[in-house]
């Protein structure tokens, strides 16, 4: 007799326009800012220095995944010391190269709306796959008014698509991640948010057709929605 096995079913889609959230957790690159040109320049230079195949560096293939995890895949045949050297080098390159980084539509307005009542620290956080130095450099390059709570790759053991980053973001705000809205542009981040139990709003800022991963709602960018803060929490409306 064979025993049937059941695969975990994805959580059903949630109507984010009908929910009230305790907080909003924003990805950074591709959601609030665009650093695509810098990323491409730096990783192509790294590939040349470390003999990495450039055909594995598609702009979207590893988008949203921490650099250390990307290098573990691309340099799987190298020892730990060389992978660590490559990570230190790409961080140095990216921290030094902020040319062309820009704020994406609707980002400033979204952050301002969430910080206007009670302080951004209580209603919003940034959860990025960048390390702390790189996140700070990119935020400074565009003078982005980010909330007080910023979770980076340095703050977690397992990066996106693992749920840990978004769980940490919610914990630092003192809220239940299941009552949070995650805003993402990458499949790895959407999977992270969904696995954490959050609702997910996806943006078409990186891929025209929108990312995979099973977001609850997909819009072009943050200018397509507006956030309303009330005593009950945060509501999302179409702009």
Protein backbone atom coordinates (compact mmCIF):
# COMPACT_ATOMS: atom_id res chain seq x y z
CA UNK A 1 0.00 0.00 0.00
CA UNK A 2 1.37 3.42 -0.88
CA UNK A 3 1.08 6.32 1.47
CA UNK A 4 0.04 9.58 -0.08
CA UNK A 5 2.25 12.55 0.65
CA UNK A 6 0.93 16.05 0.84
CA UNK A 7 2.90 19.11 -0.16
CA UNK A 8 2.48 22.25 1.95
CA UNK A 9 -0.13 24.47 0.37
CA UNK A 10 0.63 28.16 -0.10
CA UNK A 11 -1.37 30.47 2.13
CA UNK A 12 -4.45 31.86 0.41
CA UNK A 13 -4.19 35.37 -1.01
CA UNK A 14 -5.16 38.19 1.32
CA UNK A 15 -7.02 41.36 0.35
CA UNK A 16 -4.45 43.91 1.44
CA UNK A 17 -6.84 46.75 0.54
CA UNK A 18 -9.29 45.46 3.12
CA UNK A 19 -6.88 44.78 6.00
CA UNK A 20 -5.53 46.97 8.79
CA UNK A 21 -1.82 46.37 9.46
CA UNK A 22 0.27 47.07 12.52
CA UNK A 23 3.31 47.98 10.41
CA UNK A 24 4.79 47.99 6.91
CA UNK A 25 8.12 46.27 6.23
CA UNK A 26 9.87 47.59 3.11
CA UNK A 27 12.57 45.94 1.08
CA UNK A 28 15.10 48.56 -0.06
CA UNK A 29 16.77 47.90 -3.44
CA UNK A 30 14.17 47.79 -6.19
CA UNK A 31 11.44 48.90 -3.78
CA UNK A 32 12.54 52.23 -2.31
CA UNK A 33 15.63 52.85 -4.44
CA UNK A 34 17.18 51.53 -7.64
CA UNK A 35 20.87 50.62 -7.59
CA UNK A 36 20.84 48.33 -10.64
CA UNK A 37 23.56 50.12 -12.58
CA UNK A 38 25.94 50.14 -9.62
CA UNK A 39 25.27 46.47 -8.88
CA UNK A 40 25.96 45.45 -12.47
CA UNK A 41 29.22 47.43 -12.64
CA UNK A 42 30.51 46.10 -9.35
CA UNK A 43 29.64 42.45 -9.88
CA UNK A 44 31.09 42.41 -13.39
CA UNK A 45 34.31 43.85 -11.99
CA UNK A 46 34.30 41.25 -9.23
CA UNK A 47 33.77 38.49 -11.79
CA UNK A 48 36.83 39.66 -13.69
CA UNK A 49 38.97 39.77 -10.56
CA UNK A 50 37.91 36.38 -9.22
CA UNK A 51 37.41 34.48 -12.47
CA UNK A 52 33.66 34.08 -12.07
CA UNK A 53 31.50 33.30 -15.13
CA UNK A 54 29.59 36.41 -16.16
CA UNK A 55 26.73 34.40 -17.69
CA UNK A 56 25.68 33.58 -14.11
CA UNK A 57 25.27 37.27 -13.32
CA UNK A 58 21.87 37.93 -14.85
CA UNK A 59 20.43 41.15 -13.38
CA UNK A 60 17.42 39.29 -11.97
CA UNK A 61 18.72 35.83 -11.18
CA UNK A 62 19.98 36.64 -7.69
CA UNK A 63 18.11 39.86 -7.05
CA UNK A 64 17.15 40.18 -3.39
CA UNK A 65 19.54 37.46 -2.21
CA UNK A 66 22.39 38.42 0.19
CA UNK A 67 25.81 38.72 -1.44
CA UNK A 68 27.32 36.08 0.84
CA UNK A 69 24.72 33.54 -0.34
CA UNK A 70 25.31 34.44 -4.00
CA UNK A 71 29.05 33.94 -3.59
CA UNK A 72 28.52 30.61 -1.83
CA UNK A 73 26.79 29.49 -5.03
CA UNK A 74 29.06 31.11 -7.62
CA UNK A 75 32.29 30.20 -5.81
CA UNK A 76 31.21 26.83 -4.48
CA UNK A 77 34.48 25.30 -5.71
CA UNK A 78 36.64 27.80 -3.78
CA UNK A 79 37.62 27.62 -0.13
CA UNK A 80 36.02 29.68 2.62
CA UNK A 81 38.88 32.16 2.71
CA UNK A 82 38.52 33.02 -0.98
CA UNK A 83 34.75 33.37 -0.68
CA UNK A 84 35.26 35.70 2.29
CA UNK A 85 37.76 37.74 0.27
CA UNK A 86 35.30 38.01 -2.61
CA UNK A 87 32.55 39.16 -0.24
CA UNK A 88 34.79 41.83 1.30
CA UNK A 89 35.81 42.99 -2.17
CA UNK A 90 32.29 43.31 -3.59
CA UNK A 91 31.16 45.19 -0.49
CA UNK A 92 34.08 47.58 -0.94
CA UNK A 93 33.23 48.06 -4.61
CA UNK A 94 29.55 48.68 -4.00
CA UNK A 95 30.08 51.00 -1.02
CA UNK A 96 32.42 53.09 -3.20
CA UNK A 97 30.17 53.10 -6.27
CA UNK A 98 26.87 54.89 -5.61
CA UNK A 99 26.67 56.67 -8.97
CA UNK A 100 23.25 56.41 -10.60
CA UNK A 101 21.39 55.27 -7.50
CA UNK A 102 17.95 56.88 -7.46
CA UNK A 103 14.81 56.99 -5.33
CA UNK A 104 11.89 55.13 -6.89
CA UNK A 105 8.45 56.71 -7.44
CA UNK A 106 6.28 56.97 -4.36
CA UNK A 107 9.00 55.89 -1.91
CA UNK A 108 9.45 59.21 -0.10
CA UNK A 109 5.71 59.76 0.11
CA UNK A 110 5.11 56.26 1.51
CA UNK A 111 7.76 56.65 4.20
CA UNK A 112 6.51 60.13 5.09
CA UNK A 113 2.93 58.90 5.46
CA UNK A 114 3.98 56.15 7.83
CA UNK A 115 6.15 58.49 9.87
CA UNK A 116 3.64 61.30 10.13
CA UNK A 117 1.71 59.83 13.06
CA UNK A 118 3.53 58.38 16.03
CA UNK A 119 6.95 58.20 14.34
CA UNK A 120 8.18 55.96 11.54
CA UNK A 121 9.93 53.68 14.02
CA UNK A 122 6.59 52.30 15.18
CA UNK A 123 4.85 51.81 11.84
CA UNK A 124 7.62 50.98 9.37
CA UNK A 125 10.96 49.26 8.96
CA UNK A 126 13.40 48.60 6.13
CA UNK A 127 14.43 44.96 5.69
CA UNK A 128 17.24 44.67 3.16
CA UNK A 129 19.59 41.96 1.90
CA UNK A 130 22.45 44.49 1.93
CA UNK A 131 24.98 44.45 4.71
CA UNK A 132 25.01 47.37 7.12
CA UNK A 133 27.82 49.37 5.45
CA UNK A 134 26.30 49.06 2.01
CA UNK A 135 22.78 49.89 3.17
CA UNK A 136 24.07 53.02 4.91
CA UNK A 137 26.03 54.10 1.81
CA UNK A 138 23.06 53.74 -0.51
CA UNK A 139 20.67 55.47 1.87
CA UNK A 140 23.12 58.36 2.25
CA UNK A 141 23.66 58.61 -1.52
CA UNK A 142 20.03 59.59 -2.08
CA UNK A 143 19.29 61.11 1.35
CA UNK A 144 16.39 58.69 1.75
CA UNK A 145 14.39 59.42 4.94
CA UNK A 146 14.30 55.83 6.18
CA UNK A 147 12.62 54.77 9.43
CA UNK A 148 14.66 54.20 12.57
CA UNK A 149 14.43 50.42 12.24
CA UNK A 150 16.64 48.98 9.49
CA UNK A 151 17.37 45.24 9.35
CA UNK A 152 20.33 44.22 7.17
CA UNK A 153 22.05 40.97 6.22
CA UNK A 154 24.37 41.51 9.18
CA UNK A 155 21.43 41.15 11.58
CA UNK A 156 20.30 37.68 10.52
CA UNK A 157 21.79 34.22 10.10
CA UNK A 158 19.62 33.28 7.11
CA UNK A 159 18.76 35.79 4.41
CA UNK A 160 15.83 35.97 2.03
CA UNK A 161 14.01 33.80 0.92
CA UNK A 162 14.16 32.51 4.50
CA UNK A 163 11.50 34.18 6.69
CA UNK A 164 14.03 35.28 9.33
CA UNK A 165 14.65 38.84 8.00
CA UNK A 166 10.99 39.85 8.09
CA UNK A 167 10.43 38.15 11.44
CA UNK A 168 13.34 40.16 12.85
CA UNK A 169 11.93 43.37 11.38
CA UNK A 170 8.55 42.79 13.02
CA UNK A 171 10.15 41.79 16.32
CA UNK A 172 12.16 45.02 16.44
CA UNK A 173 8.97 47.01 15.96
CA UNK A 174 7.27 45.00 18.67
CA UNK A 175 4.52 43.73 16.37
CA UNK A 176 3.27 40.37 15.11
CA UNK A 177 4.69 39.72 11.63
CA UNK A 178 1.35 38.17 10.65
CA UNK A 179 -0.18 41.63 11.09
CA UNK A 180 2.42 43.28 8.85
CA UNK A 181 2.51 44.17 5.17
CA UNK A 182 5.74 43.36 3.33
CA UNK A 183 6.55 45.48 0.24
CA UNK A 184 8.88 43.77 -2.23
CA UNK A 185 10.06 43.67 -5.84
CA UNK A 186 11.91 40.32 -5.83
CA UNK A 187 10.69 36.74 -5.70
CA UNK A 188 13.14 35.88 -2.92
CA UNK A 189 11.73 38.66 -0.77
CA UNK A 190 8.13 37.77 -1.53
CA UNK A 191 8.82 34.18 -0.52
CA UNK A 192 10.47 35.45 2.67
CA UNK A 193 7.48 37.60 3.58
CA UNK A 194 4.97 34.89 2.77
CA UNK A 195 6.89 32.30 4.78
CA UNK A 196 6.97 34.69 7.74
CA UNK A 197 3.18 34.94 7.60
CA UNK A 198 2.91 38.53 6.39
CA UNK A 199 0.73 39.90 3.61
CA UNK A 200 2.81 40.93 0.57
CA UNK A 201 2.52 43.85 -1.84
CA UNK A 202 4.74 43.39 -4.90
CA UNK A 203 6.08 46.04 -7.28
CA UNK A 204 6.89 45.84 -10.98
CA UNK A 205 9.90 48.12 -10.54
CA UNK A 206 12.47 45.46 -11.45
CA UNK A 207 10.56 43.09 -13.72
CA UNK A 208 7.87 44.48 -16.01
CA UNK A 209 5.63 41.44 -15.59
CA UNK A 210 6.09 41.49 -11.82
CA UNK A 211 8.01 39.04 -9.64
CA UNK A 212 6.95 35.50 -8.83
CA UNK A 213 6.49 34.21 -5.34
CA UNK A 214 2.77 34.61 -4.81
CA UNK A 215 2.23 38.22 -3.75
CA UNK A 216 -1.24 39.21 -2.57
CA UNK A 217 -1.32 42.36 -4.69
CA UNK A 218 0.95 43.60 -7.51
CA UNK A 219 1.23 47.26 -8.59
CA UNK A 220 3.66 49.21 -10.76
CA UNK A 221 5.42 51.07 -7.94
CA UNK A 222 4.71 52.79 -4.64
CA UNK A 223 3.10 55.77 -6.37
CA UNK A 224 0.20 53.42 -7.19
CA UNK A 225 -0.83 53.18 -3.53
CA UNK A 226 -1.05 55.41 -0.48
CA UNK A 227 -0.81 54.56 3.19
CA UNK A 228 -3.21 55.88 5.81
CA UNK A 229 -2.25 55.74 9.49
CA UNK A 230 -5.12 55.67 11.98
CA UNK A 231 -5.50 54.73 15.60
CA UNK A 232 -6.27 51.18 14.49
CA UNK A 233 -3.21 50.78 12.30
CA UNK A 234 -2.19 51.20 8.65
CA UNK A 235 -4.51 50.92 5.69
CA UNK A 236 -3.47 50.66 2.04
CA UNK A 237 -5.45 52.49 -0.62
CA UNK A 238 -5.04 52.74 -4.35
CA UNK A 239 -3.73 56.17 -5.29
